[in-house]
């Protein structure tokens, strides 16, 4: 991959790619990195023959991977039954799968085949044509739809296998905002030609990746200290949502920029913004030091933080 970042590409961002069938998720992410000249990662592997939403993280935004990988997923699946079954039987059986299910990764999976528990949040039969069943499923991250089809077929009494699969949502990112590899390439060419507008519409700010995570908004004067690993005191807090001690909290600037993720040293209701006392320790810094002017003094060396 080229080490030269394309002019106009922000240091960190998220791109919702509409992955085509054929290449692996790793290949798709690598192509994006080559086009933009940035290091990349992706959130949630899709098998080569599966299409749909693949969130590609660029630059320091790759540090959001643990957060994005935990997000719920939505799929539309075409399942082929191995025998005949009426619609009532199929729908009644599908309804019994909503809730906690036990799964073992398929034999072709690269992970260890240990039994796991996942939750099916919703399972809706969209259409049935002969032995082909189209359904939509909302599920926990790490749910194997291939295994779900197999178990559905057993419960229906006919047997079944997954014929085609598309991911339509990953966390808060939907297929409506996904872009193709051709779109990214066209935007990169336009940027090289002096028009960064198409690329700026494609690359989303890292703050989009925190979902409904609890958050703290801080004063500008506190930001550079956080970027250097210093713990946050209540005097630097402008506002916060509700959270418990020990929870992971997103720290934002007043411009809605993601500064870092940190561990809450106290519950949100244990202090008020502007009060003294330490309230958060940064664990994963997203913003580069020096982005905001230094507004702090410290007698101690800041604690080390995760940077990769």
Protein backbone atom coordinates (compact mmCIF):
# COMPACT_ATOMS: atom_id res chain seq x y z
CA UNK A 1 0.00 0.00 0.00
CA UNK A 2 1.17 3.50 -0.74
CA UNK A 3 2.40 5.44 2.28
CA UNK A 4 1.47 8.76 0.70
CA UNK A 5 -1.90 9.98 1.90
CA UNK A 6 -3.98 11.45 -0.89
CA UNK A 7 -4.32 15.23 -0.46
CA UNK A 8 -7.71 16.04 1.03
CA UNK A 9 -8.04 12.74 2.90
CA UNK A 10 -8.58 13.39 6.64
CA UNK A 11 -6.16 11.69 9.07
CA UNK A 12 -8.94 9.44 10.41
CA UNK A 13 -12.32 8.44 9.06
CA UNK A 14 -14.91 5.77 8.35
CA UNK A 15 -16.10 4.60 4.94
CA UNK A 16 -19.23 2.48 4.53
CA UNK A 17 -18.37 0.24 1.60
CA UNK A 18 -20.86 -1.84 -0.36
CA UNK A 19 -18.71 -4.96 -0.56
CA UNK A 20 -19.29 -6.96 -3.76
CA UNK A 21 -19.36 -10.73 -3.93
CA UNK A 22 -16.01 -12.28 -4.79
CA UNK A 23 -13.19 -10.55 -2.92
CA UNK A 24 -12.57 -11.00 0.80
CA UNK A 25 -13.20 -8.23 3.31
CA UNK A 26 -9.44 -7.89 3.75
CA UNK A 27 -8.96 -7.41 0.00
CA UNK A 28 -11.68 -4.75 -0.17
CA UNK A 29 -10.19 -2.82 2.76
CA UNK A 30 -6.71 -3.07 1.22
CA UNK A 31 -7.99 -1.66 -2.10
CA UNK A 32 -9.50 1.30 -0.24
CA UNK A 33 -6.20 1.87 1.54
CA UNK A 34 -4.30 1.78 -1.76
CA UNK A 35 -6.66 4.29 -3.37
CA UNK A 36 -6.41 6.75 -0.48
CA UNK A 37 -2.84 6.08 0.62
CA UNK A 38 -3.79 5.41 4.26
CA UNK A 39 -3.58 2.47 6.69
CA UNK A 40 -6.96 0.75 7.04
CA UNK A 41 -8.91 -1.85 8.96
CA UNK A 42 -12.44 -3.22 8.68
CA UNK A 43 -15.18 -3.97 11.18
CA UNK A 44 -16.90 -7.34 10.78
CA UNK A 45 -15.64 -9.87 8.25
CA UNK A 46 -17.89 -10.90 5.38
CA UNK A 47 -17.22 -14.16 3.53
CA UNK A 48 -16.08 -13.68 -0.10
CA UNK A 49 -19.49 -14.71 -1.49
CA UNK A 50 -21.40 -12.37 0.87
CA UNK A 51 -22.13 -8.76 -0.14
CA UNK A 52 -23.19 -5.64 1.69
CA UNK A 53 -22.17 -3.20 4.38
CA UNK A 54 -18.49 -3.30 5.33
CA UNK A 55 -17.22 -0.46 7.52
CA UNK A 56 -13.64 0.42 6.61
CA UNK A 57 -11.68 2.45 9.15
CA UNK A 58 -8.82 4.69 8.04
CA UNK A 59 -5.87 6.05 10.00
CA UNK A 60 -6.30 6.32 13.77
CA UNK A 61 -9.99 5.38 13.38
CA UNK A 62 -8.84 1.72 13.23
CA UNK A 63 -8.70 2.00 17.03
CA UNK A 64 -12.50 1.96 16.97
CA UNK A 65 -12.46 -1.66 15.81
CA UNK A 66 -13.30 -3.16 19.25
CA UNK A 67 -16.35 -0.87 19.44
CA UNK A 68 -17.59 -1.44 15.89
CA UNK A 69 -17.07 -5.20 16.02
CA UNK A 70 -19.55 -5.46 18.92
CA UNK A 71 -22.38 -3.71 17.07
CA UNK A 72 -25.55 -5.54 16.00
CA UNK A 73 -25.84 -6.64 12.38
CA UNK A 74 -28.78 -6.96 9.97
CA UNK A 75 -28.87 -9.36 7.03
CA UNK A 76 -31.20 -10.35 4.23
CA UNK A 77 -30.78 -14.03 3.43
CA UNK A 78 -32.03 -16.39 0.73
CA UNK A 79 -32.39 -19.86 2.30
CA UNK A 80 -33.16 -22.96 0.25
CA UNK A 81 -35.20 -25.69 1.91
CA UNK A 82 -34.44 -29.33 1.05
CA UNK A 83 -38.12 -30.26 1.03
CA UNK A 84 -41.59 -28.73 0.82
CA UNK A 85 -43.12 -26.78 3.74
CA UNK A 86 -46.08 -24.42 3.93
CA UNK A 87 -45.74 -20.77 4.86
CA UNK A 88 -47.42 -21.16 8.24
CA UNK A 89 -44.94 -23.84 9.28
CA UNK A 90 -42.00 -21.74 8.14
CA UNK A 91 -43.16 -18.53 9.88
CA UNK A 92 -44.07 -20.28 13.13
CA UNK A 93 -40.70 -22.00 13.23
CA UNK A 94 -38.81 -18.78 12.47
CA UNK A 95 -40.58 -17.05 15.37
CA UNK A 96 -39.19 -19.61 17.82
CA UNK A 97 -35.63 -18.60 16.93
CA UNK A 98 -36.02 -15.02 18.22
CA UNK A 99 -34.02 -14.86 21.45
CA UNK A 100 -30.87 -16.65 22.61
CA UNK A 101 -29.53 -19.37 20.32
CA UNK A 102 -26.60 -21.76 20.58
CA UNK A 103 -24.23 -21.92 17.63
CA UNK A 104 -21.03 -23.63 16.62
CA UNK A 105 -19.05 -21.93 13.82
CA UNK A 106 -19.30 -23.76 10.45
CA UNK A 107 -16.47 -26.12 9.50
CA UNK A 108 -15.28 -23.69 6.81
CA UNK A 109 -14.90 -20.93 9.44
CA UNK A 110 -11.39 -19.77 10.37
CA UNK A 111 -12.22 -19.51 14.10
CA UNK A 112 -12.20 -22.27 16.71
CA UNK A 113 -15.40 -24.32 16.57
CA UNK A 114 -16.50 -23.82 20.16
CA UNK A 115 -20.14 -23.53 21.21
CA UNK A 116 -21.31 -19.93 21.62
CA UNK A 117 -24.49 -18.08 22.54
CA UNK A 118 -25.86 -15.31 20.36
CA UNK A 119 -29.13 -13.38 20.38
CA UNK A 120 -31.50 -13.12 17.43
CA UNK A 121 -33.23 -9.76 17.87
CA UNK A 122 -35.70 -10.09 14.99
CA UNK A 123 -36.38 -12.63 12.26
CA UNK A 124 -38.92 -11.74 9.58
CA UNK A 125 -39.97 -13.91 6.64
CA UNK A 126 -40.10 -11.56 3.64
CA UNK A 127 -41.07 -13.89 0.82
CA UNK A 128 -41.38 -17.57 -0.08
CA UNK A 129 -41.19 -18.96 -3.60
CA UNK A 130 -41.25 -22.72 -3.75
CA UNK A 131 -38.41 -23.93 -1.56
CA UNK A 132 -36.62 -20.57 -1.57
CA UNK A 133 -37.22 -18.51 1.58
CA UNK A 134 -36.19 -14.85 1.86
CA UNK A 135 -35.84 -13.52 5.40
CA UNK A 136 -34.43 -10.53 7.28
CA UNK A 137 -32.59 -11.08 10.55
CA UNK A 138 -31.23 -8.65 13.17
CA UNK A 139 -28.69 -10.32 15.41
CA UNK A 140 -25.69 -9.99 17.69
CA UNK A 141 -22.25 -9.58 16.19
CA UNK A 142 -20.65 -12.94 15.52
CA UNK A 143 -23.89 -14.73 14.60
CA UNK A 144 -23.39 -17.29 11.83
CA UNK A 145 -26.27 -17.03 9.36
CA UNK A 146 -25.11 -20.20 7.60
CA UNK A 147 -25.58 -22.08 10.89
CA UNK A 148 -28.91 -20.32 11.47
CA UNK A 149 -30.20 -21.58 8.10
CA UNK A 150 -29.07 -25.12 8.92
CA UNK A 151 -30.87 -25.07 12.28
CA UNK A 152 -33.99 -23.49 10.79
CA UNK A 153 -34.12 -26.27 8.23
CA UNK A 154 -33.82 -28.93 10.92
CA UNK A 155 -36.60 -27.30 12.96
CA UNK A 156 -38.89 -26.98 9.93
CA UNK A 157 -38.25 -30.64 9.20
CA UNK A 158 -36.91 -30.33 5.66
CA UNK A 159 -33.29 -29.36 6.10
CA UNK A 160 -31.96 -26.15 4.54
CA UNK A 161 -28.85 -24.28 3.51
CA UNK A 162 -27.90 -20.64 2.97
CA UNK A 163 -27.97 -19.79 -0.74
CA UNK A 164 -27.20 -16.07 -0.71
CA UNK A 165 -26.55 -13.45 1.95
CA UNK A 166 -26.30 -9.67 2.10
CA UNK A 167 -25.50 -7.51 5.12
CA UNK A 168 -27.84 -4.52 5.12
CA UNK A 169 -26.75 -2.87 8.38
CA UNK A 170 -23.73 -2.85 10.69
CA UNK A 171 -24.42 -0.93 13.87
CA UNK A 172 -25.84 2.43 12.79
CA UNK A 173 -24.44 2.15 9.25
CA UNK A 174 -26.93 1.06 6.59
CA UNK A 175 -26.70 0.04 2.94
CA UNK A 176 -28.40 3.34 2.00
CA UNK A 177 -25.16 5.19 2.79
CA UNK A 178 -22.80 2.52 1.43
CA UNK A 179 -20.63 3.37 -1.56
CA UNK A 180 -19.06 1.10 -4.16
CA UNK A 181 -15.35 0.69 -4.80
CA UNK A 182 -15.91 2.49 -8.11
CA UNK A 183 -17.41 5.46 -6.21
CA UNK A 184 -14.34 5.62 -3.98
CA UNK A 185 -11.99 5.44 -6.96
CA UNK A 186 -13.90 8.18 -8.81
CA UNK A 187 -13.79 10.38 -5.69
CA UNK A 188 -10.05 9.78 -5.30
CA UNK A 189 -9.44 10.78 -8.93
CA UNK A 190 -11.58 13.91 -8.45
CA UNK A 191 -9.54 14.80 -5.35
CA UNK A 192 -6.29 14.44 -7.27
CA UNK A 193 -7.81 16.78 -9.86
CA UNK A 194 -8.52 19.44 -7.24
CA UNK A 195 -12.14 18.59 -6.28
CA UNK A 196 -12.21 17.03 -2.77
CA UNK A 197 -16.01 17.37 -2.38
CA UNK A 198 -16.96 13.82 -3.50
CA UNK A 199 -14.42 12.27 -1.14
CA UNK A 200 -15.49 14.46 1.78
CA UNK A 201 -19.02 13.11 1.35
CA UNK A 202 -17.76 9.52 1.42
CA UNK A 203 -15.39 9.66 4.40
CA UNK A 204 -17.37 9.97 7.63
CA UNK A 205 -15.92 11.41 10.87
CA UNK A 206 -14.80 8.88 13.53
CA UNK A 207 -17.49 10.15 15.92
CA UNK A 208 -20.04 8.29 13.78
CA UNK A 209 -18.53 5.07 15.07
CA UNK A 210 -19.38 5.47 18.74
CA UNK A 211 -23.10 4.77 18.31
CA UNK A 212 -25.00 5.15 21.58
CA UNK A 213 -21.89 4.95 23.76
CA UNK A 214 -22.03 7.30 26.79
CA UNK A 215 -20.13 10.50 26.20
CA UNK A 216 -18.49 13.52 27.77
CA UNK A 217 -18.11 16.89 26.05
CA UNK A 218 -14.98 18.75 27.18
CA UNK A 219 -13.62 22.26 27.01
CA UNK A 220 -11.05 23.10 24.33
CA UNK A 221 -8.41 23.74 27.01
CA UNK A 222 -8.63 20.12 28.22
CA UNK A 223 -8.23 18.42 24.82
CA UNK A 224 -4.48 18.49 24.29
CA UNK A 225 -3.83 17.10 27.76
CA UNK A 226 -6.12 14.18 26.97
CA UNK A 227 -4.28 13.64 23.68
CA UNK A 228 -1.07 13.30 25.71
CA UNK A 229 -2.69 10.75 28.05
CA UNK A 230 -3.52 12.97 31.01
CA UNK A 231 -6.61 12.11 33.04
CA UNK A 232 -9.65 14.37 32.80
CA UNK A 233 -10.81 16.45 35.74
CA UNK A 234 -14.37 17.63 36.23
CA UNK A 235 -13.32 21.24 35.64
CA UNK A 236 -12.74 20.35 31.97
CA UNK A 237 -16.21 18.87 31.49
CA UNK A 238 -18.94 20.83 29.71
CA UNK A 239 -21.63 18.12 29.75
CA UNK A 240 -22.03 14.34 30.01
CA UNK A 241 -24.61 11.63 29.51
CA UNK A 242 -25.38 8.96 32.08
CA UNK A 243 -22.80 6.25 32.74
CA UNK A 244 -21.42 4.04 35.51
CA UNK A 245 -17.96 3.91 37.03
CA UNK A 246 -15.67 1.70 34.95
CA UNK A 247 -17.67 2.09 31.71
CA UNK A 248 -16.01 3.07 28.46
CA UNK A 249 -16.95 6.65 27.61
CA UNK A 250 -16.39 8.64 24.41
CA UNK A 251 -14.85 12.09 24.90
CA UNK A 252 -15.93 14.74 22.39
CA UNK A 253 -14.93 18.33 21.68
CA UNK A 254 -17.57 21.05 21.58
CA UNK A 255 -17.36 20.72 17.76
CA UNK A 256 -18.48 17.07 18.03
CA UNK A 257 -14.99 15.72 17.26
CA UNK A 258 -13.94 12.41 18.82
CA UNK A 259 -10.97 13.04 21.10
CA UNK A 260 -10.57 9.67 22.80
CA UNK A 261 -12.24 6.74 24.51
CA UNK A 262 -11.68 6.50 28.23
CA UNK A 263 -12.53 4.63 31.41
CA UNK A 264 -14.90 6.42 33.77
CA UNK A 265 -13.22 6.91 37.16
CA UNK A 266 -16.56 7.83 38.71
CA UNK A 267 -20.22 7.57 37.80
CA UNK A 268 -21.75 10.49 35.92
CA UNK A 269 -24.05 11.33 38.84
CA UNK A 270 -21.11 11.48 41.29
CA UNK A 271 -19.95 14.89 40.07
CA UNK A 272 -21.14 18.00 38.26
CA UNK A 273 -19.38 19.62 35.26
CA UNK A 274 -16.89 22.20 36.50
CA UNK A 275 -16.15 20.44 39.80
CA UNK A 276 -12.65 19.39 40.83
CA UNK A 277 -11.60 15.76 40.92
CA UNK A 278 -10.58 13.22 38.30
CA UNK A 279 -13.44 11.69 36.33
CA UNK A 280 -11.91 9.82 33.36
CA UNK A 281 -8.70 8.11 32.27
CA UNK A 282 -8.06 8.06 28.49
CA UNK A 283 -7.42 4.57 27.11
CA UNK A 284 -7.58 4.96 23.32
CA UNK A 285 -6.62 8.37 21.87
CA UNK A 286 -8.08 9.26 18.47
CA UNK A 287 -7.02 12.88 18.04
CA UNK A 288 -3.41 13.79 17.34
CA UNK A 289 -1.61 15.88 20.00
CA UNK A 290 -1.31 19.48 18.91
CA UNK A 291 -4.68 19.57 17.18
CA UNK A 292 -5.83 21.95 19.92
CA UNK A 293 -3.54 24.46 21.70
CA UNK A 294 -1.96 23.29 24.92
CA UNK A 295 -4.00 24.55 27.86
CA UNK A 296 -2.60 22.45 30.70
CA UNK A 297 0.26 22.06 33.10
CA UNK A 298 1.27 18.80 34.68
CA UNK A 299 3.86 17.81 37.28
CA UNK A 300 3.51 14.15 36.36
CA UNK A 301 4.09 12.31 33.13
CA UNK A 302 0.74 11.36 31.58
CA UNK A 303 -0.32 7.71 31.76
CA UNK A 304 0.37 5.63 28.62
CA UNK A 305 -2.56 5.12 26.26
CA UNK A 306 -3.44 2.72 23.49
CA UNK A 307 -2.39 4.15 20.10
CA UNK A 308 -2.59 1.19 17.79
